[in-house]
Amino acid sequence: MKRQEAERRGRKGEFFAAMWLRLCGWHILGQRVKTPRGEIDLIARRGRTVCFVEVKWRRTAEQRDLAIDQYRLRRVAAAVEAVSHRFLQSGDEPRIDVMLLAPRHLPRHITNAWQP
């Protein structure tokens, strides 16, 4: 039952993150994009920037702020490497961002969270 609850919360967080990005002028290109190396929660475009977004939903703002680490970012970077050719066009600027969410708090959007 815990896994199902985590899955439900994750989908809820991804929905809110996608809505927030849309409000900020981003076009969502993909959600829950599966790759041989992992999953990318959201892929968004604004102008020539293509953003691969890791979304973390936590119950409190304190937990939210501790939800991402280098290990998780490396996994996302590996997944991006596997599928970026499907979403990038010549001249595009790719980046990996993180959206951290918690109930009753504005999303925390970390741009360029991973730079190898």
PDB file of N, CA and C in Angstrom:
ATOM      1  N   MET A   1       0.816  -1.194   0.000  1.00  0.00           N
ATOM      2  CA  MET A   1       0.000   0.000   0.000  1.00  0.00           C
ATOM      3  C   MET A   1       0.865   1.265   0.000  1.00  0.00           C
ATOM      4  N   LYS A   2       2.003   1.228   0.677  1.00  0.00           N
ATOM      5  CA  LYS A   2       2.880   2.404   0.730  1.00  0.00           C
ATOM      6  C   LYS A   2       3.357   2.797  -0.666  1.00  0.00           C
ATOM      7  N   ARG A   3       3.701   1.813  -1.498  1.00  0.00           N
ATOM      8  CA  ARG A   3       4.193   2.098  -2.840  1.00  0.00           C
ATOM      9  C   ARG A   3       3.110   2.797  -3.671  1.00  0.00           C
ATOM     10  N   GLN A   4       1.862   2.346  -3.536  1.00  0.00           N
ATOM     11  CA  GLN A   4       0.763   2.958  -4.268  1.00  0.00           C
ATOM     12  C   GLN A   4       0.548   4.409  -3.824  1.00  0.00           C
ATOM     13  N   GLU A   5       0.667   4.651  -2.533  1.00  0.00           N
ATOM     14  CA  GLU A   5       0.509   6.006  -2.009  1.00  0.00           C
ATOM     15  C   GLU A   5       1.633   6.909  -2.519  1.00  0.00           C
ATOM     16  N   ALA A   6       2.850   6.400  -2.531  1.00  0.00           N
ATOM     17  CA  ALA A   6       3.986   7.176  -3.049  1.00  0.00           C
ATOM     18  C   ALA A   6       3.788   7.482  -4.534  1.00  0.00           C
ATOM     19  N   GLU A   7       3.295   6.514  -5.270  1.00  0.00           N
ATOM     20  CA  GLU A   7       3.026   6.705  -6.698  1.00  0.00           C
ATOM     21  C   GLU A   7       1.973   7.797  -6.896  1.00  0.00           C
ATOM     22  N   ARG A   8       0.914   7.769  -6.106  1.00  0.00           N
ATOM     23  CA  ARG A   8      -0.147   8.758  -6.201  1.00  0.00           C
ATOM     24  C   ARG A   8       0.382  10.163  -5.887  1.00  0.00           C
ATOM     25  N   ARG A   9       1.182  10.262  -4.826  1.00  0.00           N
ATOM     26  CA  ARG A   9       1.764  11.566  -4.470  1.00  0.00           C
ATOM     27  C   ARG A   9       2.709  12.059  -5.557  1.00  0.00           C
ATOM     28  N   GLY A  10       3.479  11.137  -6.131  1.00  0.00           N
ATOM     29  CA  GLY A  10       4.399  11.519  -7.200  1.00  0.00           C
ATOM     30  C   GLY A  10       3.673  12.074  -8.411  1.00  0.00           C
ATOM     31  N   ARG A  11       2.605  11.425  -8.802  1.00  0.00           N
ATOM     32  CA  ARG A  11       1.803  11.909  -9.937  1.00  0.00           C
ATOM     33  C   ARG A  11       1.190  13.279  -9.626  1.00  0.00           C
ATOM     34  N   LYS A  12       0.743  13.450  -8.393  1.00  0.00           N
ATOM     35  CA  LYS A  12       0.176  14.729  -7.972  1.00  0.00           C
ATOM     36  C   LYS A  12       1.236  15.833  -8.066  1.00  0.00           C
ATOM     37  N   GLY A  13       2.432  15.559  -7.586  1.00  0.00           N
ATOM     38  CA  GLY A  13       3.521  16.519  -7.662  1.00  0.00           C
ATOM     39  C   GLY A  13       3.877  16.865  -9.094  1.00  0.00           C
ATOM     40  N   GLU A  14       3.928  15.872  -9.965  1.00  0.00           N
ATOM     41  CA  GLU A  14       4.246  16.110 -11.370  1.00  0.00           C
ATOM     42  C   GLU A  14       3.161  16.953 -12.041  1.00  0.00           C
ATOM     43  N   PHE A  15       1.901  16.711 -11.684  1.00  0.00           N
ATOM     44  CA  PHE A  15       0.796  17.512 -12.222  1.00  0.00           C
ATOM     45  C   PHE A  15       0.966  18.983 -11.819  1.00  0.00           C
ATOM     46  N   PHE A  16       1.219  19.228 -10.527  1.00  0.00           N
ATOM     47  CA  PHE A  16       1.378  20.605 -10.057  1.00  0.00           C
ATOM     48  C   PHE A  16       2.621  21.262 -10.661  1.00  0.00           C
ATOM     49  N   ALA A  17       3.703  20.516 -10.786  1.00  0.00           N
ATOM     50  CA  ALA A  17       4.926  21.072 -11.389  1.00  0.00           C
ATOM     51  C   ALA A  17       4.676  21.451 -12.846  1.00  0.00           C
ATOM     52  N   ALA A  18       3.974  20.597 -13.582  1.00  0.00           N
ATOM     53  CA  ALA A  18       3.663  20.896 -14.987  1.00  0.00           C
ATOM     54  C   ALA A  18       2.789  22.144 -15.086  1.00  0.00           C
ATOM     55  N   MET A  19       1.805  22.264 -14.201  1.00  0.00           N
ATOM     56  CA  MET A  19       0.949  23.441 -14.216  1.00  0.00           C
ATOM     57  C   MET A  19       1.758  24.704 -13.920  1.00  0.00           C
ATOM     58  N   TRP A  20       2.641  24.620 -12.942  1.00  0.00           N
ATOM     59  CA  TRP A  20       3.484  25.771 -12.579  1.00  0.00           C
ATOM     60  C   TRP A  20       4.357  26.192 -13.763  1.00  0.00           C
ATOM     61  N   LEU A  21       4.974  25.210 -14.407  1.00  0.00           N
ATOM     62  CA  LEU A  21       5.817  25.522 -15.556  1.00  0.00           C
ATOM     63  C   LEU A  21       4.999  26.159 -16.679  1.00  0.00           C
ATOM     64  N   ARG A  22       3.818  25.648 -16.920  1.00  0.00           N
ATOM     65  CA  ARG A  22       2.948  26.246 -17.950  1.00  0.00           C
ATOM     66  C   ARG A  22       2.644  27.706 -17.608  1.00  0.00           C
ATOM     67  N   LEU A  23       2.337  27.977 -16.345  1.00  0.00           N
ATOM     68  CA  LEU A  23       2.059  29.353 -15.921  1.00  0.00           C
ATOM     69  C   LEU A  23       3.268  30.261 -16.131  1.00  0.00           C
ATOM     70  N   CYS A  24       4.458  29.664 -16.109  1.00  0.00           N
ATOM     71  CA  CYS A  24       5.695  30.432 -16.306  1.00  0.00           C
ATOM     72  C   CYS A  24       6.120  30.473 -17.772  1.00  0.00           C
ATOM     73  N   GLY A  25       5.247  30.005 -18.672  1.00  0.00           N
ATOM     74  CA  GLY A  25       5.519  30.120 -20.101  1.00  0.00           C
ATOM     75  C   GLY A  25       6.180  28.926 -20.755  1.00  0.00           C
ATOM     76  N   TRP A  26       6.271  27.805 -20.065  1.00  0.00           N
ATOM     77  CA  TRP A  26       6.879  26.601 -20.627  1.00  0.00           C
ATOM     78  C   TRP A  26       5.826  25.758 -21.336  1.00  0.00           C
ATOM     79  N   HIS A  27       6.253  25.055 -22.380  1.00  0.00           N
ATOM     80  CA  HIS A  27       5.409  24.089 -23.082  1.00  0.00           C
ATOM     81  C   HIS A  27       5.896  22.692 -22.680  1.00  0.00           C
ATOM     82  N   ILE A  28       5.003  21.861 -22.192  1.00  0.00           N
ATOM     83  CA  ILE A  28       5.383  20.520 -21.733  1.00  0.00           C
ATOM     84  C   ILE A  28       5.490  19.592 -22.946  1.00  0.00           C
ATOM     85  N   LEU A  29       6.675  19.031 -23.144  1.00  0.00           N
ATOM     86  CA  LEU A  29       6.927  18.123 -24.265  1.00  0.00           C
ATOM     87  C   LEU A  29       6.714  16.667 -23.878  1.00  0.00           C
ATOM     88  N   GLY A  30       6.937  16.350 -22.619  1.00  0.00           N
ATOM     89  CA  GLY A  30       6.802  14.964 -22.188  1.00  0.00           C
ATOM     90  C   GLY A  30       6.645  14.863 -20.692  1.00  0.00           C
ATOM     91  N   GLN A  31       5.941  13.812 -20.268  1.00  0.00           N
ATOM     92  CA  GLN A  31       5.763  13.522 -18.855  1.00  0.00           C
ATOM     93  C   GLN A  31       6.061  12.047 -18.636  1.00  0.00           C
ATOM     94  N   ARG A  32       6.779  11.763 -17.556  1.00  0.00           N
ATOM     95  CA  ARG A  32       7.129  10.383 -17.199  1.00  0.00           C
ATOM     96  C   ARG A  32       7.757   9.643 -18.381  1.00  0.00           C
ATOM     97  N   VAL A  33       8.778  10.240 -18.949  1.00  0.00           N
ATOM     98  CA  VAL A  33       9.456   9.661 -20.105  1.00  0.00           C
ATOM     99  C   VAL A  33      10.407   8.582 -19.610  1.00  0.00           C
ATOM    100  N   LYS A  34      10.133   7.357 -20.017  1.00  0.00           N
ATOM    101  CA  LYS A  34      10.935   6.215 -19.573  1.00  0.00           C
ATOM    102  C   LYS A  34      12.090   5.983 -20.529  1.00  0.00           C
ATOM    103  N   THR A  35      13.249   5.685 -19.947  1.00  0.00           N
ATOM    104  CA  THR A  35      14.445   5.387 -20.726  1.00  0.00           C
ATOM    105  C   THR A  35      15.069   4.120 -20.147  1.00  0.00           C
ATOM    106  N   PRO A  36      16.012   3.522 -20.846  1.00  0.00           N
ATOM    107  CA  PRO A  36      16.695   2.363 -20.274  1.00  0.00           C
ATOM    108  C   PRO A  36      17.463   2.701 -18.987  1.00  0.00           C
ATOM    109  N   ARG A  37      17.742   3.973 -18.770  1.00  0.00           N
ATOM    110  CA  ARG A  37      18.533   4.395 -17.608  1.00  0.00           C
ATOM    111  C   ARG A  37      17.708   5.037 -16.496  1.00  0.00           C
ATOM    112  N   GLY A  38      16.396   5.117 -16.668  1.00  0.00           N
ATOM    113  CA  GLY A  38      15.553   5.723 -15.651  1.00  0.00           C
ATOM    114  C   GLY A  38      14.446   6.536 -16.276  1.00  0.00           C
ATOM    115  N   GLU A  39      13.759   7.281 -15.441  1.00  0.00           N
ATOM    116  CA  GLU A  39      12.604   8.052 -15.890  1.00  0.00           C
ATOM    117  C   GLU A  39      12.871   9.543 -15.725  1.00  0.00           C
ATOM    118  N   ILE A  40      12.376  10.313 -16.684  1.00  0.00           N
ATOM    119  CA  ILE A  40      12.428  11.770 -16.604  1.00  0.00           C
ATOM    120  C   ILE A  40      11.008  12.234 -16.322  1.00  0.00           C
ATOM    121  N   ASP A  41      10.826  12.962 -15.232  1.00  0.00           N
ATOM    122  CA  ASP A  41       9.480  13.344 -14.811  1.00  0.00           C
ATOM    123  C   ASP A  41       8.798  14.276 -15.803  1.00  0.00           C
ATOM    124  N   LEU A  42       9.475  15.345 -16.191  1.00  0.00           N
ATOM    125  CA  LEU A  42       8.905  16.320 -17.130  1.00  0.00           C
ATOM    126  C   LEU A  42       9.982  16.789 -18.102  1.00  0.00           C
ATOM    127  N   ILE A  43       9.560  17.063 -19.318  1.00  0.00           N
ATOM    128  CA  ILE A  43      10.433  17.707 -20.298  1.00  0.00           C
ATOM    129  C   ILE A  43       9.656  18.908 -20.814  1.00  0.00           C
ATOM    130  N   ALA A  44      10.287  20.087 -20.731  1.00  0.00           N
ATOM    131  CA  ALA A  44       9.588  21.322 -21.086  1.00  0.00           C
ATOM    132  C   ALA A  44      10.469  22.186 -21.985  1.00  0.00           C
ATOM    133  N   ARG A  45       9.810  22.997 -22.792  1.00  0.00           N
ATOM    134  CA  ARG A  45      10.517  23.916 -23.692  1.00  0.00           C
ATOM    135  C   ARG A  45       9.963  25.323 -23.504  1.00  0.00           C
ATOM    136  N   ARG A  46      10.903  26.278 -23.501  1.00  0.00           N
ATOM    137  CA  ARG A  46      10.559  27.701 -23.568  1.00  0.00           C
ATOM    138  C   ARG A  46      11.616  28.332 -24.455  1.00  0.00           C
ATOM    139  N   GLY A  47      11.195  28.768 -25.627  1.00  0.00           N
ATOM    140  CA  GLY A  47      12.153  29.307 -26.586  1.00  0.00           C
ATOM    141  C   GLY A  47      13.123  28.212 -27.019  1.00  0.00           C
ATOM    142  N   ARG A  48      14.410  28.501 -26.903  1.00  0.00           N
ATOM    143  CA  ARG A  48      15.452  27.539 -27.311  1.00  0.00           C
ATOM    144  C   ARG A  48      15.956  26.709 -26.130  1.00  0.00           C
ATOM    145  N   THR A  49      15.353  26.847 -24.974  1.00  0.00           N
ATOM    146  CA  THR A  49      15.760  26.077 -23.798  1.00  0.00           C
ATOM    147  C   THR A  49      14.857  24.860 -23.643  1.00  0.00           C
ATOM    148  N   VAL A  50      15.484  23.697 -23.539  1.00  0.00           N
ATOM    149  CA  VAL A  50      14.755  22.458 -23.264  1.00  0.00           C
ATOM    150  C   VAL A  50      15.186  21.994 -21.882  1.00  0.00           C
ATOM    151  N   CYS A  51      14.211  21.853 -21.036  1.00  0.00           N
ATOM    152  CA  CYS A  51      14.456  21.574 -19.625  1.00  0.00           C
ATOM    153  C   CYS A  51      13.988  20.159 -19.278  1.00  0.00           C
ATOM    154  N   PHE A  52      14.874  19.371 -18.714  1.00  0.00           N
ATOM    155  CA  PHE A  52      14.567  18.033 -18.227  1.00  0.00           C
ATOM    156  C   PHE A  52      14.418  18.171 -16.712  1.00  0.00           C
ATOM    157  N   VAL A  53      13.213  17.897 -16.208  1.00  0.00           N
ATOM    158  CA  VAL A  53      12.870  18.270 -14.839  1.00  0.00           C
ATOM    159  C   VAL A  53      12.653  17.046 -13.956  1.00  0.00           C
ATOM    160  N   GLU A  54      13.348  17.017 -12.839  1.00  0.00           N
ATOM    161  CA  GLU A  54      13.111  16.031 -11.789  1.00  0.00           C
ATOM    162  C   GLU A  54      12.177  16.684 -10.774  1.00  0.00           C
ATOM    163  N   VAL A  55      11.080  16.006 -10.447  1.00  0.00           N
ATOM    164  CA  VAL A  55      10.078  16.546  -9.534  1.00  0.00           C
ATOM    165  C   VAL A  55      10.096  15.740  -8.242  1.00  0.00           C
ATOM    166  N   LYS A  56      10.116  16.444  -7.113  1.00  0.00           N
ATOM    167  CA  LYS A  56      10.048  15.793  -5.804  1.00  0.00           C
ATOM    168  C   LYS A  56       8.927  16.429  -4.996  1.00  0.00           C
ATOM    169  N   TRP A  57       8.025  15.611  -4.504  1.00  0.00           N
ATOM    170  CA  TRP A  57       6.908  16.043  -3.663  1.00  0.00           C
ATOM    171  C   TRP A  57       7.139  15.494  -2.275  1.00  0.00           C
ATOM    172  N   ARG A  58       7.102  16.360  -1.288  1.00  0.00           N
ATOM    173  CA  ARG A  58       7.271  15.930   0.098  1.00  0.00           C
ATOM    174  C   ARG A  58       6.159  16.519   0.955  1.00  0.00           C
ATOM    175  N   ARG A  59       5.972  15.963   2.127  1.00  0.00           N
ATOM    176  CA  ARG A  59       4.866  16.376   3.004  1.00  0.00           C
ATOM    177  C   ARG A  59       5.104  17.721   3.669  1.00  0.00           C
ATOM    178  N   THR A  60       6.358  18.097   3.881  1.00  0.00           N
ATOM    179  CA  THR A  60       6.668  19.374   4.525  1.00  0.00           C
ATOM    180  C   THR A  60       7.737  20.118   3.726  1.00  0.00           C
ATOM    181  N   ALA A  61       7.822  21.419   3.961  1.00  0.00           N
ATOM    182  CA  ALA A  61       8.844  22.222   3.287  1.00  0.00           C
ATOM    183  C   ALA A  61      10.243  21.770   3.701  1.00  0.00           C
ATOM    184  N   GLU A  62      10.403  21.354   4.950  1.00  0.00           N
ATOM    185  CA  GLU A  62      11.711  20.887   5.419  1.00  0.00           C
ATOM    186  C   GLU A  62      12.127  19.612   4.690  1.00  0.00           C
ATOM    187  N   GLN A  63      11.203  18.681   4.537  1.00  0.00           N
ATOM    188  CA  GLN A  63      11.495  17.453   3.796  1.00  0.00           C
ATOM    189  C   GLN A  63      11.733  17.764   2.317  1.00  0.00           C
ATOM    190  N   ARG A  64      10.964  18.702   1.794  1.00  0.00           N
ATOM    191  CA  ARG A  64      11.098  19.114   0.394  1.00  0.00           C
ATOM    192  C   ARG A  64      12.518  19.572   0.093  1.00  0.00           C
ATOM    193  N   ASP A  65      13.055  20.379   0.981  1.00  0.00           N
ATOM    194  CA  ASP A  65      14.369  20.966   0.738  1.00  0.00           C
ATOM    195  C   ASP A  65      15.506  19.953   0.821  1.00  0.00           C
ATOM    196  N   LEU A  66      15.232  18.770   1.337  1.00  0.00           N
ATOM    197  CA  LEU A  66      16.248  17.714   1.429  1.00  0.00           C
ATOM    198  C   LEU A  66      15.997  16.572   0.454  1.00  0.00           C
ATOM    199  N   ALA A  67      15.094  16.753  -0.491  1.00  0.00           N
ATOM    200  CA  ALA A  67      14.623  15.658  -1.334  1.00  0.00           C
ATOM    201  C   ALA A  67      15.539  15.304  -2.497  1.00  0.00           C
ATOM    202  N   ILE A  68      16.497  16.134  -2.811  1.00  0.00           N
ATOM    203  CA  ILE A  68      17.350  15.875  -3.977  1.00  0.00           C
ATOM    204  C   ILE A  68      18.806  15.783  -3.557  1.00  0.00           C
ATOM    205  N   ASP A  69      19.538  14.906  -4.218  1.00  0.00           N
ATOM    206  CA  ASP A  69      20.959  14.752  -3.924  1.00  0.00           C
ATOM    207  C   ASP A  69      21.702  14.413  -5.216  1.00  0.00           C
ATOM    208  N   GLN A  70      23.002  14.315  -5.135  1.00  0.00           N
ATOM    209  CA  GLN A  70      23.830  14.060  -6.318  1.00  0.00           C
ATOM    210  C   GLN A  70      23.526  12.707  -6.960  1.00  0.00           C
ATOM    211  N   TYR A  71      23.237  11.707  -6.155  1.00  0.00           N
ATOM    212  CA  TYR A  71      22.910  10.385  -6.689  1.00  0.00           C
ATOM    213  C   TYR A  71      21.684  10.467  -7.606  1.00  0.00           C
ATOM    214  N   ARG A  72      20.624  11.098  -7.133  1.00  0.00           N
ATOM    215  CA  ARG A  72      19.401  11.228  -7.938  1.00  0.00           C
ATOM    216  C   ARG A  72      19.661  12.074  -9.189  1.00  0.00           C
ATOM    217  N   LEU A  73      20.437  13.119  -9.050  1.00  0.00           N
ATOM    218  CA  LEU A  73      20.745  13.958 -10.207  1.00  0.00           C
ATOM    219  C   LEU A  73      21.568  13.200 -11.248  1.00  0.00           C
ATOM    220  N   ARG A  74      22.483  12.348 -10.812  1.00  0.00           N
ATOM    221  CA  ARG A  74      23.256  11.531 -11.758  1.00  0.00           C
ATOM    222  C   ARG A  74      22.335  10.589 -12.535  1.00  0.00           C
ATOM    223  N   ARG A  75      21.343  10.024 -11.842  1.00  0.00           N
ATOM    224  CA  ARG A  75      20.382   9.129 -12.516  1.00  0.00           C
ATOM    225  C   ARG A  75      19.583   9.892 -13.565  1.00  0.00           C
ATOM    226  N   VAL A  76      19.150  11.085 -13.234  1.00  0.00           N
ATOM    227  CA  VAL A  76      18.401  11.897 -14.197  1.00  0.00           C
ATOM    228  C   VAL A  76      19.298  12.245 -15.381  1.00  0.00           C
ATOM    229  N   ALA A  77      20.539  12.633 -15.113  1.00  0.00           N
ATOM    230  CA  ALA A  77      21.467  12.988 -16.189  1.00  0.00           C
ATOM    231  C   ALA A  77      21.680  11.805 -17.133  1.00  0.00           C
ATOM    232  N   ALA A  78      21.790  10.603 -16.602  1.00  0.00           N
ATOM    233  CA  ALA A  78      21.949   9.409 -17.438  1.00  0.00           C
ATOM    234  C   ALA A  78      20.709   9.187 -18.301  1.00  0.00           C
ATOM    235  N   ALA A  79      19.533   9.391 -17.723  1.00  0.00           N
ATOM    236  CA  ALA A  79      18.288   9.236 -18.475  1.00  0.00           C
ATOM    237  C   ALA A  79      18.195  10.295 -19.577  1.00  0.00           C
ATOM    238  N   VAL A  80      18.587  11.511 -19.267  1.00  0.00           N
ATOM    239  CA  VAL A  80      18.567  12.592 -20.258  1.00  0.00           C
ATOM    240  C   VAL A  80      19.489  12.254 -21.417  1.00  0.00           C
ATOM    241  N   GLU A  81      20.653  11.758 -21.103  1.00  0.00           N
ATOM    242  CA  GLU A  81      21.613  11.388 -22.143  1.00  0.00           C
ATOM    243  C   GLU A  81      21.014  10.365 -23.110  1.00  0.00           C
ATOM    244  N   ALA A  82      20.182   9.477 -22.590  1.00  0.00           N
ATOM    245  CA  ALA A  82      19.598   8.417 -23.406  1.00  0.00           C
ATOM    246  C   ALA A  82      18.525   8.920 -24.375  1.00  0.00           C
ATOM    247  N   VAL A  83      17.839  10.034 -24.052  1.00  0.00           N
ATOM    248  CA  VAL A  83      16.719  10.469 -24.898  1.00  0.00           C
ATOM    249  C   VAL A  83      16.798  11.908 -25.385  1.00  0.00           C
ATOM    250  N   SER A  84      17.825  12.637 -25.025  1.00  0.00           N
ATOM    251  CA  SER A  84      17.872  14.061 -25.385  1.00  0.00           C
ATOM    252  C   SER A  84      17.779  14.279 -26.893  1.00  0.00           C
ATOM    253  N   HIS A  85      18.319  13.364 -27.674  1.00  0.00           N
ATOM    254  CA  HIS A  85      18.279  13.513 -29.130  1.00  0.00           C
ATOM    255  C   HIS A  85      16.840  13.562 -29.668  1.00  0.00           C
ATOM    256  N   ARG A  86      15.893  13.015 -28.927  1.00  0.00           N
ATOM    257  CA  ARG A  86      14.482  13.026 -29.350  1.00  0.00           C
ATOM    258  C   ARG A  86      13.821  14.387 -29.118  1.00  0.00           C
ATOM    259  N   PHE A  87      14.376  15.199 -28.238  1.00  0.00           N
ATOM    260  CA  PHE A  87      13.718  16.447 -27.845  1.00  0.00           C
ATOM    261  C   PHE A  87      14.492  17.705 -28.225  1.00  0.00           C
ATOM    262  N   LEU A  88      15.776  17.556 -28.515  1.00  0.00           N
ATOM    263  CA  LEU A  88      16.604  18.729 -28.824  1.00  0.00           C
ATOM    264  C   LEU A  88      16.706  18.953 -30.322  1.00  0.00           C
ATOM    265  N   GLN A  89      16.662  20.228 -30.698  1.00  0.00           N
ATOM    266  CA  GLN A  89      16.884  20.634 -32.071  1.00  0.00           C
ATOM    267  C   GLN A  89      18.191  21.409 -32.120  1.00  0.00           C
ATOM    268  N   SER A  90      18.707  21.590 -33.308  1.00  0.00           N
ATOM    269  CA  SER A  90      19.950  22.333 -33.475  1.00  0.00           C
ATOM    270  C   SER A  90      19.809  23.722 -32.860  1.00  0.00           C
ATOM    271  N   GLY A  91      20.773  24.106 -32.036  1.00  0.00           N
ATOM    272  CA  GLY A  91      20.768  25.419 -31.398  1.00  0.00           C
ATOM    273  C   GLY A  91      20.065  25.464 -30.055  1.00  0.00           C
ATOM    274  N   ASP A  92      19.447  24.364 -29.641  1.00  0.00           N
ATOM    275  CA  ASP A  92      18.773  24.340 -28.336  1.00  0.00           C
ATOM    276  C   ASP A  92      19.773  24.281 -27.195  1.00  0.00           C
ATOM    277  N   GLU A  93      19.370  24.833 -26.071  1.00  0.00           N
ATOM    278  CA  GLU A  93      20.155  24.788 -24.843  1.00  0.00           C
ATOM    279  C   GLU A  93      19.480  23.816 -23.871  1.00  0.00           C
ATOM    280  N   PRO A  94      20.075  22.652 -23.634  1.00  0.00           N
ATOM    281  CA  PRO A  94      19.474  21.731 -22.663  1.00  0.00           C
ATOM    282  C   PRO A  94      19.921  22.061 -21.247  1.00  0.00           C
ATOM    283  N   ARG A  95      19.059  21.716 -20.296  1.00  0.00           N
ATOM    284  CA  ARG A  95      19.464  21.839 -18.900  1.00  0.00           C
ATOM    285  C   ARG A  95      18.619  20.882 -18.066  1.00  0.00           C
ATOM    286  N   ILE A  96      19.128  20.590 -16.882  1.00  0.00           N
ATOM    287  CA  ILE A  96      18.421  19.738 -15.935  1.00  0.00           C
ATOM    288  C   ILE A  96      18.031  20.595 -14.744  1.00  0.00           C
ATOM    289  N   ASP A  97      16.725  20.639 -14.485  1.00  0.00           N
ATOM    290  CA  ASP A  97      16.183  21.409 -13.376  1.00  0.00           C
ATOM    291  C   ASP A  97      15.529  20.475 -12.368  1.00  0.00           C
ATOM    292  N   VAL A  98      15.256  21.004 -11.205  1.00  0.00           N
ATOM    293  CA  VAL A  98      14.547  20.264 -10.158  1.00  0.00           C
ATOM    294  C   VAL A  98      13.396  21.139  -9.673  1.00  0.00           C
ATOM    295  N   MET A  99      12.241  20.524  -9.507  1.00  0.00           N
ATOM    296  CA  MET A  99      11.086  21.200  -8.910  1.00  0.00           C
ATOM    297  C   MET A  99      10.791  20.480  -7.602  1.00  0.00           C
ATOM    298  N   LEU A 100      10.867  21.225  -6.503  1.00  0.00           N
ATOM    299  CA  LEU A 100      10.588  20.680  -5.177  1.00  0.00           C
ATOM    300  C   LEU A 100       9.261  21.251  -4.697  1.00  0.00           C
ATOM    301  N   LEU A 101       8.355  20.359  -4.289  1.00  0.00           N
ATOM    302  CA  LEU A 101       7.009  20.784  -3.904  1.00  0.00           C
ATOM    303  C   LEU A 101       6.621  20.221  -2.548  1.00  0.00           C
ATOM    304  N   ALA A 102       5.793  20.989  -1.853  1.00  0.00           N
ATOM    305  CA  ALA A 102       5.201  20.576  -0.578  1.00  0.00           C
ATOM    306  C   ALA A 102       3.851  21.280  -0.457  1.00  0.00           C
ATOM    307  N   PRO A 103       2.890  20.656   0.227  1.00  0.00           N
ATOM    308  CA  PRO A 103       1.576  21.282   0.381  1.00  0.00           C
ATOM    309  C   PRO A 103       1.674  22.669   1.024  1.00  0.00           C
ATOM    310  N   ARG A 104       0.855  23.574   0.528  1.00  0.00           N
ATOM    311  CA  ARG A 104       0.735  24.936   1.063  1.00  0.00           C
ATOM    312  C   ARG A 104       2.015  25.764   0.927  1.00  0.00           C
ATOM    313  N   HIS A 105       2.878  25.405  -0.001  1.00  0.00           N
ATOM    314  CA  HIS A 105       4.096  26.180  -0.276  1.00  0.00           C
ATOM    315  C   HIS A 105       4.243  26.343  -1.781  1.00  0.00           C
ATOM    316  N   LEU A 106       4.803  27.459  -2.191  1.00  0.00           N
ATOM    317  CA  LEU A 106       5.107  27.639  -3.598  1.00  0.00           C
ATOM    318  C   LEU A 106       6.202  26.652  -4.008  1.00  0.00           C
ATOM    319  N   PRO A 107       6.195  26.221  -5.260  1.00  0.00           N
ATOM    320  CA  PRO A 107       7.257  25.315  -5.717  1.00  0.00           C
ATOM    321  C   PRO A 107       8.621  25.985  -5.628  1.00  0.00           C
ATOM    322  N   ARG A 108       9.608  25.195  -5.368  1.00  0.00           N
ATOM    323  CA  ARG A 108      10.998  25.659  -5.387  1.00  0.00           C
ATOM    324  C   ARG A 108      11.609  25.114  -6.672  1.00  0.00           C
ATOM    325  N   HIS A 109      11.929  26.001  -7.602  1.00  0.00           N
ATOM    326  CA  HIS A 109      12.452  25.626  -8.910  1.00  0.00           C
ATOM    327  C   HIS A 109      13.949  25.890  -8.936  1.00  0.00           C
ATOM    328  N   ILE A 110      14.721  24.824  -9.012  1.00  0.00           N
ATOM    329  CA  ILE A 110      16.184  24.936  -9.070  1.00  0.00           C
ATOM    330  C   ILE A 110      16.613  24.760 -10.521  1.00  0.00           C
ATOM    331  N   THR A 111      17.128  25.849 -11.108  1.00  0.00           N
ATOM    332  CA  THR A 111      17.558  25.774 -12.506  1.00  0.00           C
ATOM    333  C   THR A 111      19.010  25.314 -12.583  1.00  0.00           C
ATOM    334  N   ASN A 112      19.320  24.600 -13.659  1.00  0.00           N
ATOM    335  CA  ASN A 112      20.671  24.065 -13.858  1.00  0.00           C
ATOM    336  C   ASN A 112      21.165  23.323 -12.626  1.00  0.00           C
ATOM    337  N   ALA A 113      20.345  22.431 -12.131  1.00  0.00           N
ATOM    338  CA  ALA A 113      20.693  21.689 -10.915  1.00  0.00           C
ATOM    339  C   ALA A 113      21.846  20.715 -11.131  1.00  0.00           C
ATOM    340  N   TRP A 114      22.042  20.286 -12.363  1.00  0.00           N
ATOM    341  CA  TRP A 114      23.122  19.340 -12.659  1.00  0.00           C
ATOM    342  C   TRP A 114      24.009  19.915 -13.742  1.00  0.00           C
ATOM    343  N   GLN A 115      25.269  20.078 -13.416  1.00  0.00           N
ATOM    344  CA  GLN A 115      26.268  20.506 -14.377  1.00  0.00           C
ATOM    345  C   GLN A 115      27.499  19.649 -14.170  1.00  0.00           C
ATOM    346  N   PRO A 116      27.662  18.609 -15.014  1.00  0.00           N
ATOM    347  CA  PRO A 116      28.788  17.681 -14.806  1.00  0.00           C
ATOM    348  C   PRO A 116      30.139  18.337 -14.926  1.00  0.00           C
TER     349      PRO A 116
END
